[in-house]
């Protein structure tokens, strides 16, 4: 019925909105007092410095230079975000942990609902992913590429766990290969763990 459909929709929308709000609150809290520096022990040499160097280059030259840098795949994603939005490297790197916090929460919420935990359990799972130690480590050590690779992994597991998804063996292999390449591009070390666990 229409009322049941509306209730189901709100059971998703309200928790997602709450998780987004909490993600902004937690993911941006290191900057509440407007420090002039970027938070994260490795943020300057891994992201800020290379992005500043590449920003003044042509698209091709910048892409080639990014491939020579540490964690080149995620660096290319950040560079693309800079060019699309017009934001500076400082702004992009500053807001990225908040965005990753929100993505982690939503992906975890989606996985929990897929596993049948219900609205309450799924919401608590999403909240836990915001409050758990890896999020704090991600913010204060700037392991952003690892963090994004983990989100891709959560999405992959969620899709495979969907009960109403008609996926045969070939489809699973293709899907796994696609996500495997995505993780390899973003963070090769995480890909090694992913490949060992999934056999891809």
Protein backbone atom coordinates (compact mmCIF):
# COMPACT_ATOMS: atom_id res chain seq x y z
CA UNK A 1 0.00 0.00 0.00
CA UNK A 2 0.96 3.64 -0.33
CA UNK A 3 1.25 4.09 3.43
CA UNK A 4 3.48 1.05 3.75
CA UNK A 5 5.68 2.28 0.91
CA UNK A 6 5.95 5.70 2.55
CA UNK A 7 6.84 4.09 5.87
CA UNK A 8 9.54 2.00 4.23
CA UNK A 9 10.95 5.07 2.49
CA UNK A 10 11.11 7.06 5.72
CA UNK A 11 12.75 4.12 7.48
CA UNK A 12 15.63 4.63 5.06
CA UNK A 13 15.64 8.39 4.56
CA UNK A 14 15.57 9.41 8.24
CA UNK A 15 18.49 7.16 9.33
CA UNK A 16 20.51 8.23 6.29
CA UNK A 17 19.94 11.92 7.06
CA UNK A 18 20.90 11.33 10.68
CA UNK A 19 24.09 9.50 9.64
CA UNK A 20 24.99 12.28 7.22
CA UNK A 21 24.57 14.88 9.96
CA UNK A 22 26.62 12.86 12.43
CA UNK A 23 29.30 12.30 9.77
CA UNK A 24 29.64 16.05 9.21
CA UNK A 25 29.81 16.59 12.97
CA UNK A 26 32.52 13.97 13.53
CA UNK A 27 34.40 14.19 10.23
CA UNK A 28 34.89 17.94 10.46
CA UNK A 29 35.39 18.35 14.19
CA UNK A 30 39.22 18.78 13.97
CA UNK A 31 38.51 22.05 12.14
CA UNK A 32 35.91 23.49 14.52
CA UNK A 33 38.38 26.11 15.78
CA UNK A 34 39.55 26.94 12.25
CA UNK A 35 43.23 25.91 12.50
CA UNK A 36 45.41 27.24 9.69
CA UNK A 37 47.02 23.85 9.14
CA UNK A 38 45.62 20.61 7.74
CA UNK A 39 44.97 17.79 10.21
CA UNK A 40 46.77 14.53 9.50
CA UNK A 41 50.34 13.43 10.06
CA UNK A 42 50.93 12.48 6.41
CA UNK A 43 48.56 14.86 4.68
CA UNK A 44 51.17 17.27 3.29
CA UNK A 45 53.61 14.88 1.69
CA UNK A 46 50.98 12.38 0.49
CA UNK A 47 48.34 14.77 -0.88
CA UNK A 48 48.75 18.53 -0.37
CA UNK A 49 52.27 18.84 -1.78
CA UNK A 50 51.75 16.63 -4.85
CA UNK A 51 48.37 18.26 -5.62
CA UNK A 52 49.93 21.73 -5.50
CA UNK A 53 52.68 20.60 -7.84
CA UNK A 54 50.32 18.94 -10.31
CA UNK A 55 47.63 21.65 -10.25
CA UNK A 56 49.65 24.00 -12.45
CA UNK A 57 50.34 21.39 -15.12
CA UNK A 58 48.34 20.45 -18.18
CA UNK A 59 45.91 17.56 -17.87
CA UNK A 60 48.25 15.10 -19.55
CA UNK A 61 51.38 16.25 -17.73
CA UNK A 62 49.51 16.28 -14.43
CA UNK A 63 48.21 12.75 -14.98
CA UNK A 64 51.69 11.48 -15.82
CA UNK A 65 53.16 13.17 -12.76
CA UNK A 66 50.41 11.78 -10.52
CA UNK A 67 51.26 8.26 -11.64
CA UNK A 68 54.77 8.77 -10.26
CA UNK A 69 53.50 9.79 -6.83
CA UNK A 70 52.72 7.70 -3.78
CA UNK A 71 49.08 6.49 -3.82
CA UNK A 72 48.71 7.80 -7.36
CA UNK A 73 45.20 6.41 -7.94
CA UNK A 74 43.56 8.31 -5.11
CA UNK A 75 45.65 11.37 -5.94
CA UNK A 76 44.17 11.34 -9.45
CA UNK A 77 40.66 11.20 -7.94
CA UNK A 78 41.42 14.21 -5.74
CA UNK A 79 42.91 16.07 -8.69
CA UNK A 80 39.79 15.39 -10.73
CA UNK A 81 37.68 16.67 -7.83
CA UNK A 82 39.75 19.85 -7.75
CA UNK A 83 39.30 20.48 -11.47
CA UNK A 84 35.56 19.73 -11.42
CA UNK A 85 34.71 21.82 -8.34
CA UNK A 86 37.32 24.56 -8.66
CA UNK A 87 38.34 24.01 -5.03
CA UNK A 88 41.93 24.40 -3.91
CA UNK A 89 44.07 21.48 -2.76
CA UNK A 90 43.72 22.77 0.81
CA UNK A 91 39.92 22.70 0.61
CA UNK A 92 39.72 19.29 -1.07
CA UNK A 93 42.06 17.63 1.43
CA UNK A 94 40.31 19.38 4.32
CA UNK A 95 36.84 18.13 3.40
CA UNK A 96 37.80 14.64 2.20
CA UNK A 97 37.78 12.96 5.67
CA UNK A 98 34.27 14.27 6.29
CA UNK A 99 33.10 12.89 2.94
CA UNK A 100 34.76 9.53 3.59
CA UNK A 101 33.15 9.37 7.05
CA UNK A 102 29.72 9.85 5.46
CA UNK A 103 30.42 7.30 2.72
CA UNK A 104 31.55 4.73 5.29
CA UNK A 105 28.42 5.27 7.39
CA UNK A 106 26.04 4.96 4.42
CA UNK A 107 27.84 1.90 3.02
CA UNK A 108 27.78 0.22 6.45
CA UNK A 109 24.10 1.08 6.91
CA UNK A 110 23.34 -0.42 3.49
CA UNK A 111 25.31 -3.59 4.28
CA UNK A 112 23.53 -4.02 7.63
CA UNK A 113 20.09 -3.64 6.02
CA UNK A 114 21.10 -6.13 3.34
CA UNK A 115 22.06 -8.61 6.05
CA UNK A 116 18.61 -8.17 7.62
CA UNK A 117 19.47 -6.23 10.77
CA UNK A 118 16.46 -3.92 10.40
CA UNK A 119 16.29 -0.15 10.73
CA UNK A 120 17.53 0.04 14.32
CA UNK A 121 20.41 -2.38 13.88
CA UNK A 122 21.41 -0.80 10.59
CA UNK A 123 21.41 2.68 12.12
CA UNK A 124 23.55 1.50 15.04
CA UNK A 125 25.95 -0.13 12.57
CA UNK A 126 26.27 3.11 10.63
CA UNK A 127 26.83 5.06 13.85
CA UNK A 128 29.46 2.56 14.99
CA UNK A 129 31.35 3.00 11.71
CA UNK A 130 31.51 6.74 12.41
CA UNK A 131 32.68 6.32 16.00
CA UNK A 132 35.06 3.40 15.60
CA UNK A 133 38.85 3.69 15.82
CA UNK A 134 39.64 3.38 12.05
CA UNK A 135 37.71 6.61 11.41
CA UNK A 136 39.78 8.47 14.00
CA UNK A 137 42.96 6.98 12.55
CA UNK A 138 41.86 7.92 9.05
CA UNK A 139 41.30 11.54 10.06
CA UNK A 140 44.47 12.05 12.10
CA UNK A 141 46.93 10.04 9.97
CA UNK A 142 45.45 10.83 6.52
CA UNK A 143 45.24 7.23 5.32
CA UNK A 144 42.61 8.43 2.87
CA UNK A 145 43.34 6.01 0.03
CA UNK A 146 43.15 3.01 2.38
CA UNK A 147 39.90 4.39 3.74
CA UNK A 148 38.34 4.78 0.30
CA UNK A 149 39.45 1.27 -0.67
CA UNK A 150 37.69 -0.08 2.42
CA UNK A 151 34.47 1.67 1.37
CA UNK A 152 34.68 0.07 -2.09
CA UNK A 153 35.14 -3.27 -0.37
CA UNK A 154 32.04 -2.75 1.81
CA UNK A 155 29.97 -1.89 -1.27
CA UNK A 156 31.24 -5.02 -3.03
CA UNK A 157 30.27 -7.26 -0.10
CA UNK A 158 26.87 -5.57 0.14
CA UNK A 159 26.07 -6.22 -3.52
CA UNK A 160 27.07 -9.86 -3.19
CA UNK A 161 24.90 -10.27 -0.09
CA UNK A 162 21.70 -8.94 -1.68
CA UNK A 163 19.18 -11.79 -1.57
CA UNK A 164 17.09 -10.48 -4.46
CA UNK A 165 20.04 -10.09 -6.78
CA UNK A 166 20.13 -12.82 -9.46
CA UNK A 167 23.84 -13.21 -10.01
CA UNK A 168 25.32 -16.33 -11.60
CA UNK A 169 28.94 -17.44 -11.41
CA UNK A 170 30.07 -15.40 -14.41
CA UNK A 171 28.38 -12.30 -13.04
CA UNK A 172 30.06 -12.72 -9.67
CA UNK A 173 33.43 -13.13 -11.36
CA UNK A 174 32.92 -10.02 -13.49
CA UNK A 175 31.69 -7.98 -10.53
CA UNK A 176 34.56 -9.13 -8.36
CA UNK A 177 37.07 -8.32 -11.09
CA UNK A 178 35.62 -4.83 -11.52
CA UNK A 179 35.85 -4.04 -7.82
CA UNK A 180 39.26 -5.67 -7.68
CA UNK A 181 40.57 -3.32 -10.37
CA UNK A 182 38.98 -0.34 -8.60
CA UNK A 183 40.74 -1.20 -5.32
CA UNK A 184 44.02 -1.87 -7.14
CA UNK A 185 43.78 1.58 -8.73
CA UNK A 186 43.00 3.33 -5.44
CA UNK A 187 45.32 1.49 -3.06
CA UNK A 188 47.45 -1.47 -4.23
CA UNK A 189 48.27 -2.71 -0.72
CA UNK A 190 44.57 -3.00 0.14
CA UNK A 191 44.08 -4.82 -3.14
CA UNK A 192 46.51 -7.50 -1.97
CA UNK A 193 44.34 -8.19 1.08
CA UNK A 194 41.16 -8.05 -1.01
CA UNK A 195 42.60 -10.49 -3.58
CA UNK A 196 43.77 -12.90 -0.88
CA UNK A 197 40.34 -12.96 0.79
CA UNK A 198 38.18 -13.14 -2.34
CA UNK A 199 40.51 -15.04 -4.63
CA UNK A 200 40.37 -12.19 -7.19
